[in-house]
Structure formats: structure tokens, C-alpha cells
């Protein structure tokens, strides 16, 4: 069990550095056979600021300027959703 905890902690940290959201991280950990309780423990950590991360990923890809029209907003939303961020997180920053 200890090795699963270390692996999960390391995997979450690595995935955050790659700009991945909670949905994608959760899916990949489940595919690796990690227990759901352990996944939730690491993804619900208070130390993770998901809104800052989703904004950082958006700015890195599209720049500081917020999307002005529906088409660009939809494009950015699809990109962020593919990175594993939740609809709620995406709508809060767009």
C-alpha cells in the first residue's frame, strides 16, 4: 500500500507539472489500478489550486487575452476539457 501512495503522489505531482486536470489524472490512475479512495485523497488535497492551474494552462496556450467571441471560447473550452479540467473549472476562468 505504501508504494501505491508514493506512486500516486509522484504521478499527481508529475501530471500537475504537465498541466493536466483532475479528470485526466483520475482516469489515468484508475487505469493503473490505483484505489479510488487513494486517488480522491491526492486530488482533493487543499494544496492543489485547480483554478490557478487551468488559467496557467490557458494562458500558456492562448495568451493573456480572454476569448472575445463564442467560437474562441468554445475552442479554448474544448482544449482545457481535453486536458482533464472540469466544466466548472473551465467556466470559472473563461
PDB file of N, CA and C in Angstrom:
ATOM      1  N   UNK A   1       0.824  -1.205   0.000  1.00  0.00           N
ATOM      2  CA  UNK A   1       0.000   0.000   0.000  1.00  0.00           C
ATOM      3  C   UNK A   1       0.864   1.263   0.000  1.00  0.00           C
ATOM      4  N   UNK A   2       1.957   1.203   0.742  1.00  0.00           N
ATOM      5  CA  UNK A   2       2.853   2.363   0.801  1.00  0.00           C
ATOM      6  C   UNK A   2       3.363   2.734  -0.589  1.00  0.00           C
ATOM      7  N   UNK A   3       3.705   1.723  -1.389  1.00  0.00           N
ATOM      8  CA  UNK A   3       4.215   2.027  -2.725  1.00  0.00           C
ATOM      9  C   UNK A   3       3.125   2.657  -3.606  1.00  0.00           C
ATOM     10  N   UNK A   4       1.859   2.231  -3.427  1.00  0.00           N
ATOM     11  CA  UNK A   4       0.760   2.857  -4.167  1.00  0.00           C
ATOM     12  C   UNK A   4       0.636   4.327  -3.779  1.00  0.00           C
ATOM     13  N   UNK A   5       0.788   4.633  -2.499  1.00  0.00           N
ATOM     14  CA  UNK A   5       0.714   6.019  -2.043  1.00  0.00           C
ATOM     15  C   UNK A   5       1.838   6.854  -2.644  1.00  0.00           C
ATOM     16  N   UNK A   6       3.043   6.323  -2.612  1.00  0.00           N
ATOM     17  CA  UNK A   6       4.183   7.064  -3.186  1.00  0.00           C
ATOM     18  C   UNK A   6       4.003   7.258  -4.687  1.00  0.00           C
ATOM     19  N   UNK A   7       3.573   6.185  -5.368  1.00  0.00           N
ATOM     20  CA  UNK A   7       3.357   6.282  -6.810  1.00  0.00           C
ATOM     21  C   UNK A   7       2.299   7.337  -7.109  1.00  0.00           C
ATOM     22  N   UNK A   8       1.174   7.296  -6.380  1.00  0.00           N
ATOM     23  CA  UNK A   8       0.079   8.236  -6.623  1.00  0.00           C
ATOM     24  C   UNK A   8       0.533   9.665  -6.393  1.00  0.00           C
ATOM     25  N   UNK A   9       1.230   9.898  -5.296  1.00  0.00           N
ATOM     26  CA  UNK A   9       1.721  11.245  -5.006  1.00  0.00           C
ATOM     27  C   UNK A   9       2.653  11.739  -6.107  1.00  0.00           C
ATOM     28  N   UNK A  10       3.558  10.893  -6.535  1.00  0.00           N
ATOM     29  CA  UNK A  10       4.508  11.244  -7.589  1.00  0.00           C
ATOM     30  C   UNK A  10       3.785  11.480  -8.921  1.00  0.00           C
ATOM     31  N   UNK A  11       2.834  10.607  -9.243  1.00  0.00           N
ATOM     32  CA  UNK A  11       2.103  10.715 -10.501  1.00  0.00           C
ATOM     33  C   UNK A  11       1.292  12.005 -10.549  1.00  0.00           C
ATOM     34  N   UNK A  12       0.609  12.327  -9.439  1.00  0.00           N
ATOM     35  CA  UNK A  12      -0.192  13.554  -9.381  1.00  0.00           C
ATOM     36  C   UNK A  12       0.714  14.770  -9.550  1.00  0.00           C
ATOM     37  N   UNK A  13       1.833  14.791  -8.848  1.00  0.00           N
ATOM     38  CA  UNK A  13       2.772  15.916  -8.943  1.00  0.00           C
ATOM     39  C   UNK A  13       3.276  16.077 -10.378  1.00  0.00           C
ATOM     40  N   UNK A  14       3.657  14.970 -10.995  1.00  0.00           N
ATOM     41  CA  UNK A  14       4.158  14.998 -12.372  1.00  0.00           C
ATOM     42  C   UNK A  14       3.068  15.486 -13.339  1.00  0.00           C
ATOM     43  N   UNK A  15       1.846  15.005 -13.150  1.00  0.00           N
ATOM     44  CA  UNK A  15       0.739  15.386 -14.028  1.00  0.00           C
ATOM     45  C   UNK A  15       0.389  16.868 -13.878  1.00  0.00           C
ATOM     46  N   UNK A  16       0.455  17.374 -12.653  1.00  0.00           N
ATOM     47  CA  UNK A  16       0.203  18.800 -12.430  1.00  0.00           C
ATOM     48  C   UNK A  16       1.237  19.639 -13.167  1.00  0.00           C
ATOM     49  N   UNK A  17       2.486  19.207 -13.125  1.00  0.00           N
ATOM     50  CA  UNK A  17       3.542  19.938 -13.828  1.00  0.00           C
ATOM     51  C   UNK A  17       3.344  19.911 -15.339  1.00  0.00           C
ATOM     52  N   UNK A  18       2.656  18.883 -15.849  1.00  0.00           N
ATOM     53  CA  UNK A  18       2.352  18.799 -17.275  1.00  0.00           C
ATOM     54  C   UNK A  18       1.090  19.570 -17.629  1.00  0.00           C
ATOM     55  N   UNK A  19       0.422  20.151 -16.623  1.00  0.00           N
ATOM     56  CA  UNK A  19      -0.780  20.938 -16.888  1.00  0.00           C
ATOM     57  C   UNK A  19      -2.021  20.105 -17.108  1.00  0.00           C
ATOM     58  N   UNK A  20      -2.105  18.962 -16.455  1.00  0.00           N
ATOM     59  CA  UNK A  20      -3.277  18.108 -16.595  1.00  0.00           C
ATOM     60  C   UNK A  20      -4.259  18.356 -15.461  1.00  0.00           C
ATOM     61  N   UNK A  21      -5.539  18.260 -15.778  1.00  0.00           N
ATOM     62  CA  UNK A  21      -6.595  18.492 -14.802  1.00  0.00           C
ATOM     63  C   UNK A  21      -6.982  17.235 -14.045  1.00  0.00           C
ATOM     64  N   UNK A  22      -7.871  17.395 -13.073  1.00  0.00           N
ATOM     65  CA  UNK A  22      -8.234  16.286 -12.189  1.00  0.00           C
ATOM     66  C   UNK A  22      -8.907  15.107 -12.893  1.00  0.00           C
ATOM     67  N   UNK A  23      -9.712  15.362 -13.908  1.00  0.00           N
ATOM     68  CA  UNK A  23     -10.393  14.259 -14.605  1.00  0.00           C
ATOM     69  C   UNK A  23      -9.398  13.348 -15.314  1.00  0.00           C
ATOM     70  N   UNK A  24      -8.441  13.945 -15.991  1.00  0.00           N
ATOM     71  CA  UNK A  24      -7.455  13.156 -16.723  1.00  0.00           C
ATOM     72  C   UNK A  24      -6.549  12.381 -15.765  1.00  0.00           C
ATOM     73  N   UNK A  25      -6.124  13.031 -14.696  1.00  0.00           N
ATOM     74  CA  UNK A  25      -5.265  12.369 -13.712  1.00  0.00           C
ATOM     75  C   UNK A  25      -6.008  11.189 -13.094  1.00  0.00           C
ATOM     76  N   UNK A  26      -7.264  11.423 -12.725  1.00  0.00           N
ATOM     77  CA  UNK A  26      -8.075  10.372 -12.109  1.00  0.00           C
ATOM     78  C   UNK A  26      -8.236   9.178 -13.059  1.00  0.00           C
ATOM     79  N   UNK A  27      -8.517   9.450 -14.312  1.00  0.00           N
ATOM     80  CA  UNK A  27      -8.695   8.386 -15.296  1.00  0.00           C
ATOM     81  C   UNK A  27      -7.409   7.566 -15.464  1.00  0.00           C
ATOM     82  N   UNK A  28      -6.278   8.239 -15.568  1.00  0.00           N
ATOM     83  CA  UNK A  28      -5.016   7.535 -15.768  1.00  0.00           C
ATOM     84  C   UNK A  28      -4.629   6.707 -14.544  1.00  0.00           C
ATOM     85  N   UNK A  29      -4.901   7.226 -13.342  1.00  0.00           N
ATOM     86  CA  UNK A  29      -4.600   6.460 -12.131  1.00  0.00           C
ATOM     87  C   UNK A  29      -5.499   5.229 -12.029  1.00  0.00           C
ATOM     88  N   UNK A  30      -6.767   5.368 -12.394  1.00  0.00           N
ATOM     89  CA  UNK A  30      -7.681   4.215 -12.375  1.00  0.00           C
ATOM     90  C   UNK A  30      -7.205   3.132 -13.340  1.00  0.00           C
ATOM     91  N   UNK A  31      -6.721   3.558 -14.516  1.00  0.00           N
ATOM     92  CA  UNK A  31      -6.219   2.598 -15.497  1.00  0.00           C
ATOM     93  C   UNK A  31      -4.997   1.845 -14.969  1.00  0.00           C
ATOM     94  N   UNK A  32      -4.285   2.464 -14.044  1.00  0.00           N
ATOM     95  CA  UNK A  32      -3.104   1.831 -13.447  1.00  0.00           C
ATOM     96  C   UNK A  32      -3.459   1.028 -12.197  1.00  0.00           C
ATOM     97  N   UNK A  33      -4.746   0.928 -11.892  1.00  0.00           N
ATOM     98  CA  UNK A  33      -5.196   0.090 -10.792  1.00  0.00           C
ATOM     99  C   UNK A  33      -5.100   0.714  -9.410  1.00  0.00           C
ATOM    100  N   UNK A  34      -5.025   2.024  -9.352  1.00  0.00           N
ATOM    101  CA  UNK A  34      -4.952   2.711  -8.058  1.00  0.00           C
ATOM    102  C   UNK A  34      -6.362   2.817  -7.464  1.00  0.00           C
ATOM    103  N   UNK A  35      -6.484   2.584  -6.181  1.00  0.00           N
ATOM    104  CA  UNK A  35      -7.757   2.615  -5.473  1.00  0.00           C
ATOM    105  C   UNK A  35      -8.385   4.012  -5.523  1.00  0.00           C
ATOM    106  N   UNK A  36      -9.701   4.068  -5.722  1.00  0.00           N
ATOM    107  CA  UNK A  36     -10.424   5.348  -5.835  1.00  0.00           C
ATOM    108  C   UNK A  36     -10.259   6.226  -4.603  1.00  0.00           C
ATOM    109  N   UNK A  37     -10.241   5.617  -3.422  1.00  0.00           N
ATOM    110  CA  UNK A  37     -10.094   6.385  -2.182  1.00  0.00           C
ATOM    111  C   UNK A  37      -8.750   7.102  -2.166  1.00  0.00           C
ATOM    112  N   UNK A  38      -7.704   6.403  -2.597  1.00  0.00           N
ATOM    113  CA  UNK A  38      -6.364   6.993  -2.639  1.00  0.00           C
ATOM    114  C   UNK A  38      -6.302   8.114  -3.682  1.00  0.00           C
ATOM    115  N   UNK A  39      -6.937   7.909  -4.817  1.00  0.00           N
ATOM    116  CA  UNK A  39      -6.966   8.937  -5.869  1.00  0.00           C
ATOM    117  C   UNK A  39      -7.635  10.199  -5.331  1.00  0.00           C
ATOM    118  N   UNK A  40      -8.802  10.041  -4.719  1.00  0.00           N
ATOM    119  CA  UNK A  40      -9.529  11.195  -4.176  1.00  0.00           C
ATOM    120  C   UNK A  40      -8.703  11.924  -3.123  1.00  0.00           C
ATOM    121  N   UNK A  41      -7.994  11.155  -2.304  1.00  0.00           N
ATOM    122  CA  UNK A  41      -7.168  11.748  -1.242  1.00  0.00           C
ATOM    123  C   UNK A  41      -6.139  12.711  -1.829  1.00  0.00           C
ATOM    124  N   UNK A  42      -5.517  12.331  -2.924  1.00  0.00           N
ATOM    125  CA  UNK A  42      -4.476  13.186  -3.510  1.00  0.00           C
ATOM    126  C   UNK A  42      -5.046  14.290  -4.406  1.00  0.00           C
ATOM    127  N   UNK A  43      -6.161  14.044  -5.065  1.00  0.00           N
ATOM    128  CA  UNK A  43      -6.738  15.068  -5.950  1.00  0.00           C
ATOM    129  C   UNK A  43      -7.541  16.114  -5.180  1.00  0.00           C
ATOM    130  N   UNK A  44      -8.040  15.769  -4.015  1.00  0.00           N
ATOM    131  CA  UNK A  44      -8.807  16.718  -3.212  1.00  0.00           C
ATOM    132  C   UNK A  44      -7.931  17.501  -2.242  1.00  0.00           C
ATOM    133  N   UNK A  45      -6.636  17.313  -2.340  1.00  0.00           N
ATOM    134  CA  UNK A  45      -5.718  17.993  -1.421  1.00  0.00           C
ATOM    135  C   UNK A  45      -5.893  19.505  -1.509  1.00  0.00           C
ATOM    136  N   UNK A  46      -5.900  20.148  -0.354  1.00  0.00           N
ATOM    137  CA  UNK A  46      -6.059  21.604  -0.311  1.00  0.00           C
ATOM    138  C   UNK A  46      -4.887  22.339  -0.961  1.00  0.00           C
ATOM    139  N   UNK A  47      -3.773  21.646  -1.114  1.00  0.00           N
ATOM    140  CA  UNK A  47      -2.585  22.284  -1.673  1.00  0.00           C
ATOM    141  C   UNK A  47      -2.685  22.492  -3.186  1.00  0.00           C
ATOM    142  N   UNK A  48      -3.678  21.858  -3.828  1.00  0.00           N
ATOM    143  CA  UNK A  48      -3.821  21.991  -5.275  1.00  0.00           C
ATOM    144  C   UNK A  48      -4.815  23.108  -5.584  1.00  0.00           C
ATOM    145  N   UNK A  49      -4.341  24.124  -6.298  1.00  0.00           N
ATOM    146  CA  UNK A  49      -5.200  25.228  -6.714  1.00  0.00           C
ATOM    147  C   UNK A  49      -5.563  25.004  -8.186  1.00  0.00           C
ATOM    148  N   UNK A  50      -6.678  24.295  -8.406  1.00  0.00           N
ATOM    149  CA  UNK A  50      -7.066  23.918  -9.762  1.00  0.00           C
ATOM    150  C   UNK A  50      -7.359  25.125 -10.638  1.00  0.00           C
ATOM    151  N   UNK A  51      -7.957  26.170 -10.064  1.00  0.00           N
ATOM    152  CA  UNK A  51      -8.284  27.352 -10.880  1.00  0.00           C
ATOM    153  C   UNK A  51      -7.028  28.051 -11.383  1.00  0.00           C
ATOM    154  N   UNK A  52      -6.020  28.136 -10.529  1.00  0.00           N
ATOM    155  CA  UNK A  52      -4.760  28.740 -10.977  1.00  0.00           C
ATOM    156  C   UNK A  52      -4.127  27.900 -12.081  1.00  0.00           C
ATOM    157  N   UNK A  53      -4.199  26.581 -11.930  1.00  0.00           N
ATOM    158  CA  UNK A  53      -3.595  25.699 -12.924  1.00  0.00           C
ATOM    159  C   UNK A  53      -4.325  25.790 -14.266  1.00  0.00           C
ATOM    160  N   UNK A  54      -5.647  25.777 -14.244  1.00  0.00           N
ATOM    161  CA  UNK A  54      -6.395  25.845 -15.504  1.00  0.00           C
ATOM    162  C   UNK A  54      -6.134  27.186 -16.196  1.00  0.00           C
ATOM    163  N   UNK A  55      -6.040  28.258 -15.427  1.00  0.00           N
ATOM    164  CA  UNK A  55      -5.733  29.575 -16.003  1.00  0.00           C
ATOM    165  C   UNK A  55      -4.318  29.592 -16.581  1.00  0.00           C
ATOM    166  N   UNK A  56      -3.381  28.999 -15.867  1.00  0.00           N
ATOM    167  CA  UNK A  56      -1.986  28.940 -16.325  1.00  0.00           C
ATOM    168  C   UNK A  56      -1.877  28.167 -17.641  1.00  0.00           C
ATOM    169  N   UNK A  57      -2.586  27.054 -17.743  1.00  0.00           N
ATOM    170  CA  UNK A  57      -2.576  26.241 -18.967  1.00  0.00           C
ATOM    171  C   UNK A  57      -3.198  27.027 -20.121  1.00  0.00           C
ATOM    172  N   UNK A  58      -4.311  27.725 -19.858  1.00  0.00           N
ATOM    173  CA  UNK A  58      -4.973  28.519 -20.900  1.00  0.00           C
ATOM    174  C   UNK A  58      -4.063  29.639 -21.400  1.00  0.00           C
ATOM    175  N   UNK A  59      -3.437  30.356 -20.475  1.00  0.00           N
ATOM    176  CA  UNK A  59      -2.570  31.476 -20.845  1.00  0.00           C
ATOM    177  C   UNK A  59      -1.353  30.984 -21.625  1.00  0.00           C
ATOM    178  N   UNK A  60      -0.802  29.856 -21.217  1.00  0.00           N
ATOM    179  CA  UNK A  60       0.370  29.307 -21.916  1.00  0.00           C
ATOM    180  C   UNK A  60       0.034  28.981 -23.373  1.00  0.00           C
ATOM    181  N   UNK A  61      -1.173  28.469 -23.603  1.00  0.00           N
ATOM    182  CA  UNK A  61      -1.578  28.078 -24.964  1.00  0.00           C
ATOM    183  C   UNK A  61      -2.103  29.256 -25.781  1.00  0.00           C
ATOM    184  N   UNK A  62      -2.899  30.142 -25.157  1.00  0.00           N
ATOM    185  CA  UNK A  62      -3.617  31.166 -25.917  1.00  0.00           C
ATOM    186  C   UNK A  62      -3.231  32.610 -25.589  1.00  0.00           C
ATOM    187  N   UNK A  63      -2.399  32.822 -24.588  1.00  0.00           N
ATOM    188  CA  UNK A  63      -2.013  34.181 -24.231  1.00  0.00           C
ATOM    189  C   UNK A  63      -2.918  34.772 -23.164  1.00  0.00           C
ATOM    190  N   UNK A  64      -2.539  35.962 -22.693  1.00  0.00           N
ATOM    191  CA  UNK A  64      -3.241  36.620 -21.585  1.00  0.00           C
ATOM    192  C   UNK A  64      -4.674  37.028 -21.917  1.00  0.00           C
ATOM    193  N   UNK A  65      -4.899  37.402 -23.175  1.00  0.00           N
ATOM    194  CA  UNK A  65      -6.201  37.956 -23.562  1.00  0.00           C
ATOM    195  C   UNK A  65      -7.300  36.894 -23.510  1.00  0.00           C
ATOM    196  N   UNK A  66      -8.390  37.230 -22.836  1.00  0.00           N
ATOM    197  CA  UNK A  66      -9.531  36.313 -22.747  1.00  0.00           C
ATOM    198  C   UNK A  66     -10.223  36.205 -24.109  1.00  0.00           C
ATOM    199  N   UNK A  67     -10.843  35.073 -24.405  1.00  0.00           N
ATOM    200  CA  UNK A  67     -11.541  34.930 -25.695  1.00  0.00           C
ATOM    201  C   UNK A  67     -12.705  35.917 -25.773  1.00  0.00           C
ATOM    202  N   UNK A  68     -12.836  36.545 -26.938  1.00  0.00           N
ATOM    203  CA  UNK A  68     -13.857  37.588 -27.092  1.00  0.00           C
ATOM    204  C   UNK A  68     -15.140  37.096 -27.721  1.00  0.00           C
ATOM    205  N   UNK A  69     -15.074  36.038 -28.505  1.00  0.00           N
ATOM    206  CA  UNK A  69     -16.288  35.552 -29.160  1.00  0.00           C
ATOM    207  C   UNK A  69     -16.554  34.093 -28.794  1.00  0.00           C
ATOM    208  N   UNK A  70     -17.734  33.641 -29.135  1.00  0.00           N
ATOM    209  CA  UNK A  70     -18.161  32.297 -28.779  1.00  0.00           C
ATOM    210  C   UNK A  70     -17.249  31.231 -29.377  1.00  0.00           C
ATOM    211  N   UNK A  71     -16.836  31.431 -30.627  1.00  0.00           N
ATOM    212  CA  UNK A  71     -16.014  30.435 -31.320  1.00  0.00           C
ATOM    213  C   UNK A  71     -14.686  30.207 -30.588  1.00  0.00           C
ATOM    214  N   UNK A  72     -14.008  31.290 -30.204  1.00  0.00           N
ATOM    215  CA  UNK A  72     -12.733  31.156 -29.493  1.00  0.00           C
ATOM    216  C   UNK A  72     -12.929  30.604 -28.083  1.00  0.00           C
ATOM    217  N   UNK A  73     -14.007  31.007 -27.448  1.00  0.00           N
ATOM    218  CA  UNK A  73     -14.303  30.495 -26.107  1.00  0.00           C
ATOM    219  C   UNK A  73     -14.548  28.981 -26.171  1.00  0.00           C
ATOM    220  N   UNK A  74     -15.299  28.549 -27.172  1.00  0.00           N
ATOM    221  CA  UNK A  74     -15.584  27.121 -27.345  1.00  0.00           C
ATOM    222  C   UNK A  74     -14.301  26.341 -27.648  1.00  0.00           C
ATOM    223  N   UNK A  75     -13.453  26.916 -28.469  1.00  0.00           N
ATOM    224  CA  UNK A  75     -12.181  26.276 -28.817  1.00  0.00           C
ATOM    225  C   UNK A  75     -11.306  26.093 -27.575  1.00  0.00           C
ATOM    226  N   UNK A  76     -11.204  27.139 -26.762  1.00  0.00           N
ATOM    227  CA  UNK A  76     -10.403  27.064 -25.542  1.00  0.00           C
ATOM    228  C   UNK A  76     -11.025  26.092 -24.537  1.00  0.00           C
ATOM    229  N   UNK A  77     -12.346  26.093 -24.469  1.00  0.00           N
ATOM    230  CA  UNK A  77     -13.037  25.166 -23.570  1.00  0.00           C
ATOM    231  C   UNK A  77     -12.744  23.717 -23.953  1.00  0.00           C
ATOM    232  N   UNK A  78     -12.834  23.419 -25.241  1.00  0.00           N
ATOM    233  CA  UNK A  78     -12.551  22.050 -25.706  1.00  0.00           C
ATOM    234  C   UNK A  78     -11.121  21.643 -25.386  1.00  0.00           C
ATOM    235  N   UNK A  79     -10.173  22.563 -25.593  1.00  0.00           N
ATOM    236  CA  UNK A  79      -8.768  22.270 -25.293  1.00  0.00           C
ATOM    237  C   UNK A  79      -8.592  21.952 -23.802  1.00  0.00           C
ATOM    238  N   UNK A  80      -9.147  22.813 -22.942  1.00  0.00           N
ATOM    239  CA  UNK A  80      -8.994  22.623 -21.498  1.00  0.00           C
ATOM    240  C   UNK A  80      -9.708  21.354 -21.032  1.00  0.00           C
ATOM    241  N   UNK A  81     -10.849  21.060 -21.628  1.00  0.00           N
ATOM    242  CA  UNK A  81     -11.570  19.837 -21.280  1.00  0.00           C
ATOM    243  C   UNK A  81     -10.741  18.613 -21.661  1.00  0.00           C
ATOM    244  N   UNK A  82     -10.065  18.686 -22.805  1.00  0.00           N
ATOM    245  CA  UNK A  82      -9.216  17.567 -23.241  1.00  0.00           C
ATOM    246  C   UNK A  82      -8.010  17.383 -22.319  1.00  0.00           C
ATOM    247  N   UNK A  83      -7.615  18.439 -21.640  1.00  0.00           N
ATOM    248  CA  UNK A  83      -6.518  18.345 -20.679  1.00  0.00           C
ATOM    249  C   UNK A  83      -6.985  17.791 -19.333  1.00  0.00           C
ATOM    250  N   UNK A  84      -8.288  17.592 -19.189  1.00  0.00           N
ATOM    251  CA  UNK A  84      -8.800  16.942 -17.992  1.00  0.00           C
ATOM    252  C   UNK A  84      -9.395  17.865 -16.944  1.00  0.00           C
ATOM    253  N   UNK A  85      -9.629  19.110 -17.306  1.00  0.00           N
ATOM    254  CA  UNK A  85     -10.245  20.031 -16.347  1.00  0.00           C
ATOM    255  C   UNK A  85     -11.761  19.868 -16.386  1.00  0.00           C
ATOM    256  N   UNK A  86     -12.417  20.180 -15.277  1.00  0.00           N
ATOM    257  CA  UNK A  86     -13.868  20.038 -15.201  1.00  0.00           C
ATOM    258  C   UNK A  86     -14.547  21.217 -15.879  1.00  0.00           C
ATOM    259  N   UNK A  87     -15.793  21.003 -16.269  1.00  0.00           N
ATOM    260  CA  UNK A  87     -16.582  22.081 -16.893  1.00  0.00           C
ATOM    261  C   UNK A  87     -16.692  23.283 -15.951  1.00  0.00           C
ATOM    262  N   UNK A  88     -16.857  23.006 -14.675  1.00  0.00           N
ATOM    263  CA  UNK A  88     -16.966  24.084 -13.687  1.00  0.00           C
ATOM    264  C   UNK A  88     -15.691  24.912 -13.627  1.00  0.00           C
ATOM    265  N   UNK A  89     -14.538  24.254 -13.604  1.00  0.00           N
ATOM    266  CA  UNK A  89     -13.259  24.974 -13.565  1.00  0.00           C
ATOM    267  C   UNK A  89     -13.085  25.817 -14.823  1.00  0.00           C
ATOM    268  N   UNK A  90     -13.419  25.262 -15.957  1.00  0.00           N
ATOM    269  CA  UNK A  90     -13.266  25.979 -17.226  1.00  0.00           C
ATOM    270  C   UNK A  90     -14.191  27.196 -17.272  1.00  0.00           C
ATOM    271  N   UNK A  91     -15.443  27.028 -16.882  1.00  0.00           N
ATOM    272  CA  UNK A  91     -16.381  28.153 -16.948  1.00  0.00           C
ATOM    273  C   UNK A  91     -16.002  29.270 -15.984  1.00  0.00           C
ATOM    274  N   UNK A  92     -15.334  28.933 -14.895  1.00  0.00           N
ATOM    275  CA  UNK A  92     -14.931  29.974 -13.945  1.00  0.00           C
ATOM    276  C   UNK A  92     -13.819  30.879 -14.483  1.00  0.00           C
ATOM    277  N   UNK A  93     -13.014  30.369 -15.406  1.00  0.00           N
ATOM    278  CA  UNK A  93     -11.912  31.208 -15.904  1.00  0.00           C
ATOM    279  C   UNK A  93     -12.189  31.818 -17.271  1.00  0.00           C
ATOM    280  N   UNK A  94     -13.194  31.306 -17.977  1.00  0.00           N
ATOM    281  CA  UNK A  94     -13.478  31.859 -19.310  1.00  0.00           C
ATOM    282  C   UNK A  94     -14.583  32.882 -19.290  1.00  0.00           C
TER     283      UNK A  94
END
